Protein backbone atom coordinates (compact mmCIF):
# COMPACT_ATOMS: atom_id res chain seq x y z
CA MET A 1 -4.64 4.67 -20.74
CA ALA A 2 -4.21 2.54 -17.62
CA VAL A 3 -0.72 2.30 -16.22
CA TYR A 4 0.27 -0.51 -13.85
CA ILE A 5 3.05 -0.20 -11.32
CA LEU A 6 5.01 -3.38 -10.83
CA ALA A 7 8.18 -4.12 -8.92
CA LYS A 8 10.30 -3.72 -12.05
CA GLY A 9 8.68 -0.56 -13.48
CA TYR A 10 5.62 0.93 -15.18
CA PHE A 11 3.62 -0.88 -17.82
CA SER A 12 0.60 0.11 -19.88
CA ALA A 13 -2.50 -2.09 -19.95
CA LYS A 14 -1.52 -3.33 -23.45
CA GLU A 15 2.03 -4.22 -22.33
CA LYS A 16 0.65 -5.98 -19.26
CA GLU A 17 -1.67 -8.13 -21.37
CA GLY A 18 1.27 -8.98 -23.64
CA MET A 19 3.20 -10.28 -20.65
CA GLY A 20 0.39 -12.69 -19.75
CA MET A 21 -0.74 -10.73 -16.71
CA GLU A 22 -4.44 -10.78 -16.03
CA LYS A 23 -6.41 -7.86 -14.62
CA THR A 24 -7.76 -8.16 -11.10
CA PRO A 25 -11.55 -7.59 -10.92
CA ALA A 26 -12.38 -4.29 -9.14
CA LYS A 27 -14.28 -5.99 -6.29
CA ASP A 28 -11.30 -8.29 -5.58
CA ALA A 29 -8.86 -5.42 -5.85
CA VAL A 30 -10.78 -3.34 -3.30
CA LYS A 31 -10.72 -6.21 -0.81
CA GLU A 32 -7.07 -7.01 -1.48
CA LEU A 33 -5.93 -3.38 -1.29
CA THR A 34 -8.00 -2.76 1.84
CA LEU A 35 -6.17 -5.60 3.56
CA ALA A 36 -2.82 -4.33 2.28
CA LEU A 37 -3.58 -0.76 3.50
CA MET A 38 -4.67 -2.10 6.92
CA TYR A 39 -1.39 -3.97 7.11
CA LEU A 40 0.68 -0.94 6.10
CA THR A 41 -1.13 1.44 8.50
CA ARG A 42 -1.29 -1.04 11.43
CA PHE A 43 -0.44 0.09 14.94
CA SER A 44 -0.04 -1.31 18.42
CA GLU A 45 0.45 -0.07 21.93
CA LYS A 46 4.11 -1.10 21.66
CA ASP A 47 5.43 -0.46 18.15
CA ARG A 48 4.66 -1.00 14.45
CA PHE A 49 6.42 -4.38 14.41
CA SER A 50 4.69 -6.00 17.39
CA VAL A 51 3.88 -9.62 16.61
CA LEU A 52 0.90 -9.88 18.94
CA ASP A 53 -0.88 -6.53 18.68
CA ASN A 54 -1.64 -5.66 15.03
CA ASN A 55 -4.54 -3.23 14.81
CA ALA A 56 -5.85 -0.95 12.09
CA TRP A 57 -8.52 1.74 12.02
CA LYS A 58 -11.96 0.85 10.62
CA GLY A 59 -11.96 3.58 7.96
CA TYR A 60 -12.82 1.19 5.14
CA PRO A 61 -16.10 0.01 3.54
CA PHE A 62 -17.98 -2.12 6.07
CA LYS A 63 -18.97 -4.69 3.48
CA VAL A 64 -15.28 -5.29 2.69
CA LEU A 65 -14.45 -5.52 6.42
CA ASP A 66 -17.26 -8.04 6.87
CA GLU A 67 -15.87 -10.16 4.00
CA LEU A 68 -12.35 -10.06 5.42
CA GLU A 69 -13.67 -11.08 8.84
CA GLU A 70 -15.65 -14.01 7.29
CA GLU A 71 -12.43 -15.15 5.63
CA GLY A 72 -10.60 -15.13 8.97
CA MET A 73 -8.23 -12.26 8.04
CA ILE A 74 -9.40 -9.78 10.71
CA ASN A 75 -11.57 -9.44 13.80
CA GLN A 76 -13.77 -6.34 14.00
CA GLY A 77 -14.62 -6.78 17.69
CA SER A 78 -17.80 -5.01 18.77
CA HIS A 79 -19.72 -2.64 16.56
CA ARG A 80 -18.52 0.19 18.82
CA SER A 81 -14.84 -0.60 18.26
CA LYS A 82 -12.98 1.93 16.11
CA TYR A 83 -10.33 -0.53 15.01
CA VAL A 84 -9.87 -4.10 13.80
CA HIS A 85 -7.30 -6.74 14.79
CA ILE A 86 -5.37 -8.30 11.89
CA TYR A 87 -4.87 -12.05 12.43
CA VAL A 88 -1.61 -13.82 11.50
CA GLU A 89 -3.37 -15.20 8.36
CA GLY A 90 -4.31 -11.63 7.40
CA MET A 91 -0.75 -10.44 7.95
CA GLU A 92 0.60 -13.22 5.71
CA GLN A 93 -1.98 -12.54 3.02
CA ALA A 94 -1.24 -8.80 3.14
CA LYS A 95 2.48 -9.47 2.67
CA ALA A 96 1.68 -11.63 -0.38
CA LEU A 97 -0.49 -8.81 -1.74
CA LEU A 98 2.35 -6.32 -1.34
CA GLU A 99 4.44 -8.62 -3.53
CA LYS A 100 1.59 -8.97 -6.03
CA TYR A 101 1.17 -5.20 -6.38
CA GLY A 102 4.91 -4.37 -6.15
CA ILE A 103 4.61 -2.40 -2.88
CA GLU A 104 7.59 -2.19 -0.58
CA ASP A 105 7.00 -3.26 3.06
CA TRP A 106 8.12 -1.22 6.08
CA LYS A 107 11.70 -1.65 7.15
CA ARG A 108 12.81 -1.71 10.76
CA ASP A 109 15.15 1.14 11.78
CA ASP A 110 16.87 -0.92 14.54
């Protein structure tokens, strides 16, 4: 039985369908969750919350990275680069995906 985690709790696939929620196709989910994971594991020379320097390691399927780059979400740089840069559009999309999947964003410890 599939269980879905949403912001308000856990729901089975049957309960989710009853609430009018549609399943995300696997190919779309891989791309969405890859962007969300890149966002959550981003780094910079300065700190995690740098506005200008949002990078993530390239440890994801290259086909997915290529699609995200074509959509203007990331820049892979050269083929030798070990990390990608997440554009502002990618950051905004990733934040929306965290909401969609009920994942809490990082909080600043200032």
